[in-house]
Structure formats: structure tokens, C-alpha cells
Amino acid sequence: MAQRPVLLVRARIDPAALPEFRGWYHRVHLPHVLAIPGVVGYRGLAYGPGAPAGAPNVVSIYLFADESVVQKALGSSEAQRARQDWAEWSGKVRDLSIQIYAAVNARATLRHLN
């Protein structure tokens, strides 16, 4: 079975604002992201005050249905709304990182590189 692509979001939130951020995230932002066509799952990792200095204290992983939906999902109006959600937190967020990971077919890659 093929692995599904994932969207990985990491950020450092001002520790003083972290409880408020977590409430907002689950009440407002998470429903917006899960409404994006093609996003079929979510896992969140929470780091408390004991997170190493400079490390992200918010990590979220979103699962796409398959590779065919990624571009459409990212270009959707629902994705635009989810991106706009972050505006109210811009002053309290540091090192926001958003990455997409997908399985790579090793044979196709080798064939392409040779």
C-alpha cells in the first residue's frame, strides 16, 4: 500500500500565549484545515514548557488522501482561509515551517537521474 502524503507544520509560539493558542487552534484553525478537500486526517504533538530552547512547541501533521489531491487541496479556498487564520498570531509565532512529504519511487528516481 502506498504511503499518503503529509503536511508537516512546526512553529514556536510565545510560551505565555500557548494555552490561548491551543484553544484557538482546536476551536478555529483545525476545523478550517480539516475542511480542505483531500485532507483526511490530523495528528498533533504538543510540547509543554519543557521543550528545548529554540525547538518548536507546536507540531501538526495533516494527512492527504493521496498524491493526486495535494495541488488541488493547497489551491482551494478552504486552504486560503486556513492560511489567513495565522494572521492574528503573527506577532506571537516564530519559526513557522510548513513542509510536504510524499513517498518517492526509488526506481523512478534512479531512472530519472541516470
PDB file of N, CA and C in Angstrom:
ATOM      1  N   MET A   1       0.838  -1.179   0.000  1.00  0.00           N
ATOM      2  CA  MET A   1       0.000   0.000   0.000  1.00  0.00           C
ATOM      3  C   MET A   1       0.881   1.239   0.000  1.00  0.00           C
ATOM      4  N   ALA A   2       0.548   2.200  -0.843  1.00  0.00           N
ATOM      5  CA  ALA A   2       1.317   3.435  -0.949  1.00  0.00           C
ATOM      6  C   ALA A   2       1.112   4.297   0.288  1.00  0.00           C
ATOM      7  N   GLN A   3       2.162   4.982   0.668  1.00  0.00           N
ATOM      8  CA  GLN A   3       2.050   5.900   1.789  1.00  0.00           C
ATOM      9  C   GLN A   3       1.400   7.191   1.317  1.00  0.00           C
ATOM     10  N   ARG A   4       0.597   7.771   2.175  1.00  0.00           N
ATOM     11  CA  ARG A   4      -0.077   9.023   1.835  1.00  0.00           C
ATOM     12  C   ARG A   4       0.840  10.212   2.101  1.00  0.00           C
ATOM     13  N   PRO A   5       0.722  11.253   1.289  1.00  0.00           N
ATOM     14  CA  PRO A   5       1.498  12.470   1.554  1.00  0.00           C
ATOM     15  C   PRO A   5       1.029  13.126   2.852  1.00  0.00           C
ATOM     16  N   VAL A   6       1.948  13.830   3.503  1.00  0.00           N
ATOM     17  CA  VAL A   6       1.618  14.538   4.729  1.00  0.00           C
ATOM     18  C   VAL A   6       2.098  15.981   4.642  1.00  0.00           C
ATOM     19  N   LEU A   7       1.385  16.837   5.340  1.00  0.00           N
ATOM     20  CA  LEU A   7       1.763  18.231   5.501  1.00  0.00           C
ATOM     21  C   LEU A   7       2.221  18.371   6.945  1.00  0.00           C
ATOM     22  N   LEU A   8       3.446  18.815   7.145  1.00  0.00           N
ATOM     23  CA  LEU A   8       4.022  18.974   8.477  1.00  0.00           C
ATOM     24  C   LEU A   8       4.146  20.458   8.789  1.00  0.00           C
ATOM     25  N   VAL A   9       3.551  20.875   9.903  1.00  0.00           N
ATOM     26  CA  VAL A   9       3.611  22.275  10.344  1.00  0.00           C
ATOM     27  C   VAL A   9       4.299  22.313  11.702  1.00  0.00           C
ATOM     28  N   ARG A  10       5.338  23.149  11.779  1.00  0.00           N
ATOM     29  CA  ARG A  10       6.057  23.330  13.046  1.00  0.00           C
ATOM     30  C   ARG A  10       6.160  24.816  13.328  1.00  0.00           C
ATOM     31  N   ALA A  11       6.027  25.167  14.599  1.00  0.00           N
ATOM     32  CA  ALA A  11       6.128  26.580  14.979  1.00  0.00           C
ATOM     33  C   ALA A  11       6.549  26.706  16.431  1.00  0.00           C
ATOM     34  N   ARG A  12       7.124  27.853  16.730  1.00  0.00           N
ATOM     35  CA  ARG A  12       7.388  28.214  18.120  1.00  0.00           C
ATOM     36  C   ARG A  12       6.424  29.332  18.461  1.00  0.00           C
ATOM     37  N   ILE A  13       5.593  29.076  19.446  1.00  0.00           N
ATOM     38  CA  ILE A  13       4.614  30.054  19.919  1.00  0.00           C
ATOM     39  C   ILE A  13       5.128  30.637  21.230  1.00  0.00           C
ATOM     40  N   ASP A  14       4.957  31.919  21.400  1.00  0.00           N
ATOM     41  CA  ASP A  14       5.321  32.568  22.655  1.00  0.00           C
ATOM     42  C   ASP A  14       4.731  31.731  23.796  1.00  0.00           C
ATOM     43  N   PRO A  15       5.565  31.205  24.703  1.00  0.00           N
ATOM     44  CA  PRO A  15       5.057  30.334  25.771  1.00  0.00           C
ATOM     45  C   PRO A  15       3.928  30.948  26.601  1.00  0.00           C
ATOM     46  N   ALA A  16       3.942  32.253  26.773  1.00  0.00           N
ATOM     47  CA  ALA A  16       2.878  32.905  27.539  1.00  0.00           C
ATOM     48  C   ALA A  16       1.536  32.813  26.813  1.00  0.00           C
ATOM     49  N   ALA A  17       1.572  32.697  25.486  1.00  0.00           N
ATOM     50  CA  ALA A  17       0.342  32.647  24.687  1.00  0.00           C
ATOM     51  C   ALA A  17      -0.055  31.226  24.313  1.00  0.00           C
ATOM     52  N   LEU A  18       0.732  30.242  24.705  1.00  0.00           N
ATOM     53  CA  LEU A  18       0.490  28.864  24.273  1.00  0.00           C
ATOM     54  C   LEU A  18      -0.879  28.314  24.686  1.00  0.00           C
ATOM     55  N   PRO A  19      -1.353  28.504  25.914  1.00  0.00           N
ATOM     56  CA  PRO A  19      -2.692  27.993  26.250  1.00  0.00           C
ATOM     57  C   PRO A  19      -3.796  28.621  25.385  1.00  0.00           C
ATOM     58  N   GLU A  20      -3.710  29.919  25.168  1.00  0.00           N
ATOM     59  CA  GLU A  20      -4.692  30.593  24.311  1.00  0.00           C
ATOM     60  C   GLU A  20      -4.586  30.076  22.876  1.00  0.00           C
ATOM     61  N   PHE A  21      -3.348  29.901  22.401  1.00  0.00           N
ATOM     62  CA  PHE A  21      -3.127  29.394  21.041  1.00  0.00           C
ATOM     63  C   PHE A  21      -3.740  28.012  20.868  1.00  0.00           C
ATOM     64  N   ARG A  22      -3.510  27.130  21.808  1.00  0.00           N
ATOM     65  CA  ARG A  22      -4.054  25.768  21.693  1.00  0.00           C
ATOM     66  C   ARG A  22      -5.579  25.779  21.627  1.00  0.00           C
ATOM     67  N   GLY A  23      -6.223  26.623  22.420  1.00  0.00           N
ATOM     68  CA  GLY A  23      -7.677  26.737  22.362  1.00  0.00           C
ATOM     69  C   GLY A  23      -8.138  27.213  20.999  1.00  0.00           C
ATOM     70  N   TRP A  24      -7.503  28.272  20.499  1.00  0.00           N
ATOM     71  CA  TRP A  24      -7.829  28.800  19.166  1.00  0.00           C
ATOM     72  C   TRP A  24      -7.595  27.745  18.095  1.00  0.00           C
ATOM     73  N   TYR A  25      -6.469  27.052  18.197  1.00  0.00           N
ATOM     74  CA  TYR A  25      -6.095  26.076  17.183  1.00  0.00           C
ATOM     75  C   TYR A  25      -7.170  24.996  17.049  1.00  0.00           C
ATOM     76  N   HIS A  26      -7.620  24.448  18.159  1.00  0.00           N
ATOM     77  CA  HIS A  26      -8.611  23.371  18.111  1.00  0.00           C
ATOM     78  C   HIS A  26     -10.020  23.869  17.812  1.00  0.00           C
ATOM     79  N   ARG A  27     -10.336  25.065  18.235  1.00  0.00           N
ATOM     80  CA  ARG A  27     -11.683  25.610  18.046  1.00  0.00           C
ATOM     81  C   ARG A  27     -11.869  26.229  16.659  1.00  0.00           C
ATOM     82  N   VAL A  28     -10.830  26.901  16.122  1.00  0.00           N
ATOM     83  CA  VAL A  28     -10.959  27.672  14.882  1.00  0.00           C
ATOM     84  C   VAL A  28     -10.152  27.062  13.732  1.00  0.00           C
ATOM     85  N   HIS A  29      -8.839  26.955  13.921  1.00  0.00           N
ATOM     86  CA  HIS A  29      -7.965  26.595  12.797  1.00  0.00           C
ATOM     87  C   HIS A  29      -8.100  25.136  12.365  1.00  0.00           C
ATOM     88  N   LEU A  30      -8.106  24.232  13.290  1.00  0.00           N
ATOM     89  CA  LEU A  30      -8.188  22.808  12.940  1.00  0.00           C
ATOM     90  C   LEU A  30      -9.429  22.494  12.106  1.00  0.00           C
ATOM     91  N   PRO A  31     -10.623  22.972  12.460  1.00  0.00           N
ATOM     92  CA  PRO A  31     -11.778  22.720  11.593  1.00  0.00           C
ATOM     93  C   PRO A  31     -11.601  23.292  10.185  1.00  0.00           C
ATOM     94  N   HIS A  32     -10.917  24.440  10.069  1.00  0.00           N
ATOM     95  CA  HIS A  32     -10.677  25.014   8.743  1.00  0.00           C
ATOM     96  C   HIS A  32      -9.756  24.112   7.922  1.00  0.00           C
ATOM     97  N   VAL A  33      -8.704  23.602   8.534  1.00  0.00           N
ATOM     98  CA  VAL A  33      -7.774  22.735   7.801  1.00  0.00           C
ATOM     99  C   VAL A  33      -8.455  21.422   7.425  1.00  0.00           C
ATOM    100  N   LEU A  34      -9.210  20.852   8.330  1.00  0.00           N
ATOM    101  CA  LEU A  34      -9.874  19.578   8.041  1.00  0.00           C
ATOM    102  C   LEU A  34     -10.985  19.727   7.001  1.00  0.00           C
ATOM    103  N   ALA A  35     -11.399  20.958   6.709  1.00  0.00           N
ATOM    104  CA  ALA A  35     -12.390  21.205   5.659  1.00  0.00           C
ATOM    105  C   ALA A  35     -11.750  21.285   4.269  1.00  0.00           C
ATOM    106  N   ILE A  36     -10.420  21.297   4.201  1.00  0.00           N
ATOM    107  CA  ILE A  36      -9.739  21.359   2.911  1.00  0.00           C
ATOM    108  C   ILE A  36      -9.981  20.047   2.170  1.00  0.00           C
ATOM    109  N   PRO A  37     -10.483  20.108   0.935  1.00  0.00           N
ATOM    110  CA  PRO A  37     -10.729  18.879   0.172  1.00  0.00           C
ATOM    111  C   PRO A  37      -9.435  18.076   0.011  1.00  0.00           C
ATOM    112  N   GLY A  38      -9.480  16.814   0.374  1.00  0.00           N
ATOM    113  CA  GLY A  38      -8.309  15.950   0.248  1.00  0.00           C
ATOM    114  C   GLY A  38      -7.547  15.739   1.536  1.00  0.00           C
ATOM    115  N   VAL A  39      -7.776  16.577   2.549  1.00  0.00           N
ATOM    116  CA  VAL A  39      -7.145  16.374   3.861  1.00  0.00           C
ATOM    117  C   VAL A  39      -8.046  15.408   4.628  1.00  0.00           C
ATOM    118  N   VAL A  40      -7.464  14.276   5.027  1.00  0.00           N
ATOM    119  CA  VAL A  40      -8.281  13.210   5.620  1.00  0.00           C
ATOM    120  C   VAL A  40      -7.909  12.857   7.054  1.00  0.00           C
ATOM    121  N   GLY A  41      -6.918  13.524   7.614  1.00  0.00           N
ATOM    122  CA  GLY A  41      -6.554  13.198   8.986  1.00  0.00           C
ATOM    123  C   GLY A  41      -5.612  14.214   9.590  1.00  0.00           C
ATOM    124  N   TYR A  42      -5.450  14.105  10.907  1.00  0.00           N
ATOM    125  CA  TYR A  42      -4.626  15.053  11.667  1.00  0.00           C
ATOM    126  C   TYR A  42      -4.021  14.351  12.871  1.00  0.00           C
ATOM    127  N   ARG A  43      -2.800  14.720  13.168  1.00  0.00           N
ATOM    128  CA  ARG A  43      -2.142  14.326  14.409  1.00  0.00           C
ATOM    129  C   ARG A  43      -1.391  15.542  14.913  1.00  0.00           C
ATOM    130  N   GLY A  44      -1.537  15.824  16.185  1.00  0.00           N
ATOM    131  CA  GLY A  44      -0.834  16.956  16.769  1.00  0.00           C
ATOM    132  C   GLY A  44       0.065  16.495  17.891  1.00  0.00           C
ATOM    133  N   LEU A  45       1.212  17.111  17.981  1.00  0.00           N
ATOM    134  CA  LEU A  45       2.152  16.835  19.062  1.00  0.00           C
ATOM    135  C   LEU A  45       2.288  18.115  19.867  1.00  0.00           C
ATOM    136  N   ALA A  46       2.134  18.016  21.141  1.00  0.00           N
ATOM    137  CA  ALA A  46       2.224  19.203  21.998  1.00  0.00           C
ATOM    138  C   ALA A  46       3.441  19.097  22.887  1.00  0.00           C
ATOM    139  N   TYR A  47       4.227  20.132  22.874  1.00  0.00           N
ATOM    140  CA  TYR A  47       5.369  20.220  23.774  1.00  0.00           C
ATOM    141  C   TYR A  47       5.055  21.303  24.781  1.00  0.00           C
ATOM    142  N   GLY A  48       5.268  21.023  25.997  1.00  0.00           N
ATOM    143  CA  GLY A  48       4.983  21.986  27.051  1.00  0.00           C
ATOM    144  C   GLY A  48       6.138  22.914  27.299  1.00  0.00           C
ATOM    145  N   PRO A  49       6.167  23.490  28.473  1.00  0.00           N
ATOM    146  CA  PRO A  49       7.239  24.426  28.827  1.00  0.00           C
ATOM    147  C   PRO A  49       8.615  23.771  28.836  1.00  0.00           C
ATOM    148  N   GLY A  50       8.681  22.446  28.879  1.00  0.00           N
ATOM    149  CA  GLY A  50       9.964  21.762  28.927  1.00  0.00           C
ATOM    150  C   GLY A  50      10.610  21.563  27.566  1.00  0.00           C
ATOM    151  N   ALA A  51      10.041  22.125  26.505  1.00  0.00           N
ATOM    152  CA  ALA A  51      10.636  21.988  25.169  1.00  0.00           C
ATOM    153  C   ALA A  51      12.008  22.654  25.157  1.00  0.00           C
ATOM    154  N   PRO A  52      12.961  22.049  24.449  1.00  0.00           N
ATOM    155  CA  PRO A  52      14.296  22.663  24.366  1.00  0.00           C
ATOM    156  C   PRO A  52      14.214  24.083  23.789  1.00  0.00           C
ATOM    157  N   ALA A  53      15.082  24.948  24.240  1.00  0.00           N
ATOM    158  CA  ALA A  53      15.106  26.320  23.742  1.00  0.00           C
ATOM    159  C   ALA A  53      15.277  26.328  22.232  1.00  0.00           C
ATOM    160  N   GLY A  54      14.444  27.087  21.561  1.00  0.00           N
ATOM    161  CA  GLY A  54      14.532  27.196  20.109  1.00  0.00           C
ATOM    162  C   GLY A  54      13.797  26.113  19.345  1.00  0.00           C
ATOM    163  N   ALA A  55      13.327  25.088  20.048  1.00  0.00           N
ATOM    164  CA  ALA A  55      12.613  23.996  19.380  1.00  0.00           C
ATOM    165  C   ALA A  55      11.147  24.385  19.179  1.00  0.00           C
ATOM    166  N   PRO A  56      10.497  23.806  18.167  1.00  0.00           N
ATOM    167  CA  PRO A  56       9.069  24.088  18.009  1.00  0.00           C
ATOM    168  C   PRO A  56       8.294  23.557  19.205  1.00  0.00           C
ATOM    169  N   ASN A  57       7.288  24.308  19.645  1.00  0.00           N
ATOM    170  CA  ASN A  57       6.436  23.802  20.716  1.00  0.00           C
ATOM    171  C   ASN A  57       5.043  23.442  20.198  1.00  0.00           C
ATOM    172  N   VAL A  58       4.865  23.560  18.883  1.00  0.00           N
ATOM    173  CA  VAL A  58       3.653  23.114  18.208  1.00  0.00           C
ATOM    174  C   VAL A  58       4.076  22.348  16.959  1.00  0.00           C
ATOM    175  N   VAL A  59       3.587  21.114  16.832  1.00  0.00           N
ATOM    176  CA  VAL A  59       3.848  20.301  15.649  1.00  0.00           C
ATOM    177  C   VAL A  59       2.537  19.645  15.250  1.00  0.00           C
ATOM    178  N   SER A  60       2.141  19.847  13.993  1.00  0.00           N
ATOM    179  CA  SER A  60       0.907  19.251  13.472  1.00  0.00           C
ATOM    180  C   SER A  60       1.217  18.509  12.189  1.00  0.00           C
ATOM    181  N   ILE A  61       0.586  17.365  12.023  1.00  0.00           N
ATOM    182  CA  ILE A  61       0.741  16.560  10.817  1.00  0.00           C
ATOM    183  C   ILE A  61      -0.644  16.338  10.233  1.00  0.00           C
ATOM    184  N   TYR A  62      -0.809  16.730   8.976  1.00  0.00           N
ATOM    185  CA  TYR A  62      -2.071  16.531   8.266  1.00  0.00           C
ATOM    186  C   TYR A  62      -1.856  15.507   7.171  1.00  0.00           C
ATOM    187  N   LEU A  63      -2.780  14.617   7.024  1.00  0.00           N
ATOM    188  CA  LEU A  63      -2.689  13.518   6.070  1.00  0.00           C
ATOM    189  C   LEU A  63      -3.568  13.807   4.865  1.00  0.00           C
ATOM    190  N   PHE A  64      -3.003  13.676   3.661  1.00  0.00           N
ATOM    191  CA  PHE A  64      -3.756  13.816   2.424  1.00  0.00           C
ATOM    192  C   PHE A  64      -4.288  12.448   1.998  1.00  0.00           C
ATOM    193  N   ALA A  65      -5.384  12.445   1.254  1.00  0.00           N
ATOM    194  CA  ALA A  65      -5.973  11.198   0.766  1.00  0.00           C
ATOM    195  C   ALA A  65      -4.978  10.446  -0.117  1.00  0.00           C
ATOM    196  N   ASP A  66      -4.331  11.142  -1.034  1.00  0.00           N
ATOM    197  CA  ASP A  66      -3.293  10.564  -1.898  1.00  0.00           C
ATOM    198  C   ASP A  66      -2.589  11.706  -2.629  1.00  0.00           C
ATOM    199  N   GLU A  67      -1.589  11.368  -3.430  1.00  0.00           N
ATOM    200  CA  GLU A  67      -0.797  12.399  -4.100  1.00  0.00           C
ATOM    201  C   GLU A  67      -1.608  13.229  -5.086  1.00  0.00           C
ATOM    202  N   SER A  68      -2.649  12.645  -5.638  1.00  0.00           N
ATOM    203  CA  SER A  68      -3.420  13.351  -6.674  1.00  0.00           C
ATOM    204  C   SER A  68      -4.189  14.552  -6.134  1.00  0.00           C
ATOM    205  N   VAL A  69      -4.405  14.645  -4.841  1.00  0.00           N
ATOM    206  CA  VAL A  69      -5.219  15.735  -4.287  1.00  0.00           C
ATOM    207  C   VAL A  69      -4.396  16.897  -3.735  1.00  0.00           C
ATOM    208  N   VAL A  70      -3.086  16.741  -3.629  1.00  0.00           N
ATOM    209  CA  VAL A  70      -2.260  17.735  -2.935  1.00  0.00           C
ATOM    210  C   VAL A  70      -2.368  19.120  -3.570  1.00  0.00           C
ATOM    211  N   GLN A  71      -2.130  19.234  -4.873  1.00  0.00           N
ATOM    212  CA  GLN A  71      -2.157  20.546  -5.530  1.00  0.00           C
ATOM    213  C   GLN A  71      -3.525  21.199  -5.452  1.00  0.00           C
ATOM    214  N   LYS A  72      -4.562  20.412  -5.679  1.00  0.00           N
ATOM    215  CA  LYS A  72      -5.922  20.947  -5.604  1.00  0.00           C
ATOM    216  C   LYS A  72      -6.229  21.416  -4.181  1.00  0.00           C
ATOM    217  N   ALA A  73      -5.815  20.619  -3.195  1.00  0.00           N
ATOM    218  CA  ALA A  73      -6.058  20.971  -1.794  1.00  0.00           C
ATOM    219  C   ALA A  73      -5.376  22.290  -1.448  1.00  0.00           C
ATOM    220  N   LEU A  74      -4.115  22.440  -1.823  1.00  0.00           N
ATOM    221  CA  LEU A  74      -3.364  23.643  -1.473  1.00  0.00           C
ATOM    222  C   LEU A  74      -3.889  24.890  -2.182  1.00  0.00           C
ATOM    223  N   GLY A  75      -4.515  24.700  -3.341  1.00  0.00           N
ATOM    224  CA  GLY A  75      -5.052  25.830  -4.088  1.00  0.00           C
ATOM    225  C   GLY A  75      -6.505  26.142  -3.778  1.00  0.00           C
ATOM    226  N   SER A  76      -7.093  25.409  -2.875  1.00  0.00           N
ATOM    227  CA  SER A  76      -8.525  25.575  -2.595  1.00  0.00           C
ATOM    228  C   SER A  76      -8.810  26.819  -1.761  1.00  0.00           C
ATOM    229  N   SER A  77     -10.052  27.273  -1.812  1.00  0.00           N
ATOM    230  CA  SER A  77     -10.466  28.415  -0.991  1.00  0.00           C
ATOM    231  C   SER A  77     -10.406  28.053   0.488  1.00  0.00           C
ATOM    232  N   GLU A  78     -10.632  26.782   0.812  1.00  0.00           N
ATOM    233  CA  GLU A  78     -10.534  26.333   2.206  1.00  0.00           C
ATOM    234  C   GLU A  78      -9.103  26.454   2.717  1.00  0.00           C
ATOM    235  N   ALA A  79      -8.124  26.146   1.867  1.00  0.00           N
ATOM    236  CA  ALA A  79      -6.718  26.288   2.254  1.00  0.00           C
ATOM    237  C   ALA A  79      -6.361  27.757   2.432  1.00  0.00           C
ATOM    238  N   GLN A  80      -6.880  28.600   1.561  1.00  0.00           N
ATOM    239  CA  GLN A  80      -6.645  30.040   1.686  1.00  0.00           C
ATOM    240  C   GLN A  80      -7.175  30.554   3.027  1.00  0.00           C
ATOM    241  N   ARG A  81      -8.372  30.107   3.398  1.00  0.00           N
ATOM    242  CA  ARG A  81      -8.960  30.519   4.682  1.00  0.00           C
ATOM    243  C   ARG A  81      -8.075  30.038   5.836  1.00  0.00           C
ATOM    244  N   ALA A  82      -7.591  28.799   5.771  1.00  0.00           N
ATOM    245  CA  ALA A  82      -6.738  28.267   6.835  1.00  0.00           C
ATOM    246  C   ALA A  82      -5.429  29.042   6.933  1.00  0.00           C
ATOM    247  N   ARG A  83      -4.861  29.446   5.798  1.00  0.00           N
ATOM    248  CA  ARG A  83      -3.632  30.253   5.835  1.00  0.00           C
ATOM    249  C   ARG A  83      -3.898  31.620   6.465  1.00  0.00           C
ATOM    250  N   GLN A  84      -5.044  32.197   6.177  1.00  0.00           N
ATOM    251  CA  GLN A  84      -5.378  33.509   6.731  1.00  0.00           C
ATOM    252  C   GLN A  84      -5.573  33.452   8.245  1.00  0.00           C
ATOM    253  N   ASP A  85      -5.950  32.294   8.765  1.00  0.00           N
ATOM    254  CA  ASP A  85      -6.129  32.145  10.215  1.00  0.00           C
ATOM    255  C   ASP A  85      -4.901  32.590  10.992  1.00  0.00           C
ATOM    256  N   TRP A  86      -3.720  32.333  10.441  1.00  0.00           N
ATOM    257  CA  TRP A  86      -2.480  32.598  11.154  1.00  0.00           C
ATOM    258  C   TRP A  86      -2.205  34.087  11.346  1.00  0.00           C
ATOM    259  N   ALA A  87      -2.876  34.953  10.597  1.00  0.00           N
ATOM    260  CA  ALA A  87      -2.595  36.396  10.661  1.00  0.00           C
ATOM    261  C   ALA A  87      -2.728  36.945  12.082  1.00  0.00           C
ATOM    262  N   GLU A  88      -3.731  36.488  12.813  1.00  0.00           N
ATOM    263  CA  GLU A  88      -3.918  37.029  14.166  1.00  0.00           C
ATOM    264  C   GLU A  88      -2.817  36.601  15.131  1.00  0.00           C
ATOM    265  N   TRP A  89      -2.036  35.603  14.751  1.00  0.00           N
ATOM    266  CA  TRP A  89      -0.963  35.116  15.619  1.00  0.00           C
ATOM    267  C   TRP A  89       0.419  35.564  15.150  1.00  0.00           C
ATOM    268  N   SER A  90       0.496  36.367  14.118  1.00  0.00           N
ATOM    269  CA  SER A  90       1.792  36.699  13.515  1.00  0.00           C
ATOM    270  C   SER A  90       2.794  37.288  14.511  1.00  0.00           C
ATOM    271  N   GLY A  91       2.341  38.021  15.494  1.00  0.00           N
ATOM    272  CA  GLY A  91       3.258  38.611  16.460  1.00  0.00           C
ATOM    273  C   GLY A  91       3.736  37.661  17.544  1.00  0.00           C
ATOM    274  N   LYS A  92       3.118  36.484  17.626  1.00  0.00           N
ATOM    275  CA  LYS A  92       3.462  35.539  18.691  1.00  0.00           C
ATOM    276  C   LYS A  92       4.023  34.222  18.163  1.00  0.00           C
ATOM    277  N   VAL A  93       4.259  34.161  16.853  1.00  0.00           N
ATOM    278  CA  VAL A  93       4.762  32.935  16.226  1.00  0.00           C
ATOM    279  C   VAL A  93       6.171  33.179  15.716  1.00  0.00           C
ATOM    280  N   ARG A  94       7.043  32.242  15.976  1.00  0.00           N
ATOM    281  CA  ARG A  94       8.416  32.290  15.472  1.00  0.00           C
ATOM    282  C   ARG A  94       8.699  30.990  14.733  1.00  0.00           C
ATOM    283  N   ASP A  95       9.506  31.080  13.727  1.00  0.00           N
ATOM    284  CA  ASP A  95       9.993  29.892  13.010  1.00  0.00           C
ATOM    285  C   ASP A  95       8.868  28.989  12.519  1.00  0.00           C
ATOM    286  N   LEU A  96       7.882  29.560  11.864  1.00  0.00           N
ATOM    287  CA  LEU A  96       6.812  28.757  11.265  1.00  0.00           C
ATOM    288  C   LEU A  96       7.376  28.044  10.053  1.00  0.00           C
ATOM    289  N   SER A  97       7.198  26.737  10.024  1.00  0.00           N
ATOM    290  CA  SER A  97       7.711  25.909   8.939  1.00  0.00           C
ATOM    291  C   SER A  97       6.589  25.001   8.453  1.00  0.00           C
ATOM    292  N   ILE A  98       6.378  24.992   7.130  1.00  0.00           N
ATOM    293  CA  ILE A  98       5.353  24.137   6.534  1.00  0.00           C
ATOM    294  C   ILE A  98       6.017  23.338   5.422  1.00  0.00           C
ATOM    295  N   GLN A  99       5.934  22.011   5.537  1.00  0.00           N
ATOM    296  CA  GLN A  99       6.585  21.128   4.568  1.00  0.00           C
ATOM    297  C   GLN A  99       5.624  20.019   4.161  1.00  0.00           C
ATOM    298  N   ILE A 100       5.794  19.542   2.932  1.00  0.00           N
ATOM    299  CA  ILE A 100       5.005  18.418   2.445  1.00  0.00           C
ATOM    300  C   ILE A 100       5.959  17.272   2.155  1.00  0.00           C
ATOM    301  N   TYR A 101       5.578  16.097   2.630  1.00  0.00           N
ATOM    302  CA  TYR A 101       6.362  14.896   2.408  1.00  0.00           C
ATOM    303  C   TYR A 101       5.513  13.871   1.668  1.00  0.00           C
ATOM    304  N   ALA A 102       6.122  13.235   0.687  1.00  0.00           N
ATOM    305  CA  ALA A 102       5.439  12.188  -0.070  1.00  0.00           C
ATOM    306  C   ALA A 102       6.438  11.073  -0.341  1.00  0.00           C
ATOM    307  N   ALA A 103       5.920   9.875  -0.505  1.00  0.00           N
ATOM    308  CA  ALA A 103       6.778   8.731  -0.815  1.00  0.00           C
ATOM    309  C   ALA A 103       7.412   8.931  -2.188  1.00  0.00           C
ATOM    310  N   VAL A 104       8.629   8.463  -2.328  1.00  0.00           N
ATOM    311  CA  VAL A 104       9.346   8.555  -3.590  1.00  0.00           C
ATOM    312  C   VAL A 104       9.576   7.147  -4.113  1.00  0.00           C
ATOM    313  N   ASN A 105       9.276   6.944  -5.370  1.00  0.00           N
ATOM    314  CA  ASN A 105       9.529   5.663  -6.009  1.00  0.00           C
ATOM    315  C   ASN A 105      11.006   5.624  -6.376  1.00  0.00           C
ATOM    316  N   ALA A 106      11.772   4.793  -5.691  1.00  0.00           N
ATOM    317  CA  ALA A 106      13.225   4.750  -5.887  1.00  0.00           C
ATOM    318  C   ALA A 106      13.598   4.387  -7.318  1.00  0.00           C
ATOM    319  N   ARG A 107      12.894   3.456  -7.922  1.00  0.00           N
ATOM    320  CA  ARG A 107      13.220   3.076  -9.308  1.00  0.00           C
ATOM    321  C   ARG A 107      13.003   4.235 -10.261  1.00  0.00           C
ATOM    322  N   ALA A 108      11.900   4.926 -10.117  1.00  0.00           N
ATOM    323  CA  ALA A 108      11.632   6.069 -10.995  1.00  0.00           C
ATOM    324  C   ALA A 108      12.680   7.159 -10.790  1.00  0.00           C
ATOM    325  N   THR A 109      13.098   7.383  -9.556  1.00  0.00           N
ATOM    326  CA  THR A 109      14.103   8.388  -9.262  1.00  0.00           C
ATOM    327  C   THR A 109      15.424   8.010  -9.881  1.00  0.00           C
ATOM    328  N   LEU A 110      15.837   6.767  -9.715  1.00  0.00           N
ATOM    329  CA  LEU A 110      17.104   6.320 -10.303  1.00  0.00           C
ATOM    330  C   LEU A 110      17.056   6.404 -11.823  1.00  0.00           C
ATOM    331  N   ARG A 111      15.936   6.025 -12.415  1.00  0.00           N
ATOM    332  CA  ARG A 111      15.796   6.075 -13.859  1.00  0.00           C
ATOM    333  C   ARG A 111      15.909   7.531 -14.329  1.00  0.00           C
ATOM    334  N   HIS A 112      15.343   8.459 -13.571  1.00  0.00           N
ATOM    335  CA  HIS A 112      15.377   9.861 -13.932  1.00  0.00           C
ATOM    336  C   HIS A 112      16.794  10.419 -13.793  1.00  0.00           C
ATOM    337  N   LEU A 113      17.509  10.015 -12.765  1.00  0.00           N
ATOM    338  CA  LEU A 113      18.845  10.556 -12.523  1.00  0.00           C
ATOM    339  C   LEU A 113      19.923   9.971 -13.449  1.00  0.00           C
ATOM    340  N   ASN A 114      19.656   8.815 -13.986  1.00  0.00           N
ATOM    341  CA  ASN A 114      20.676   8.173 -14.865  1.00  0.00           C
ATOM    342  C   ASN A 114      20.540   8.540 -16.285  1.00  0.00           C
TER     343      ASN A 114
END
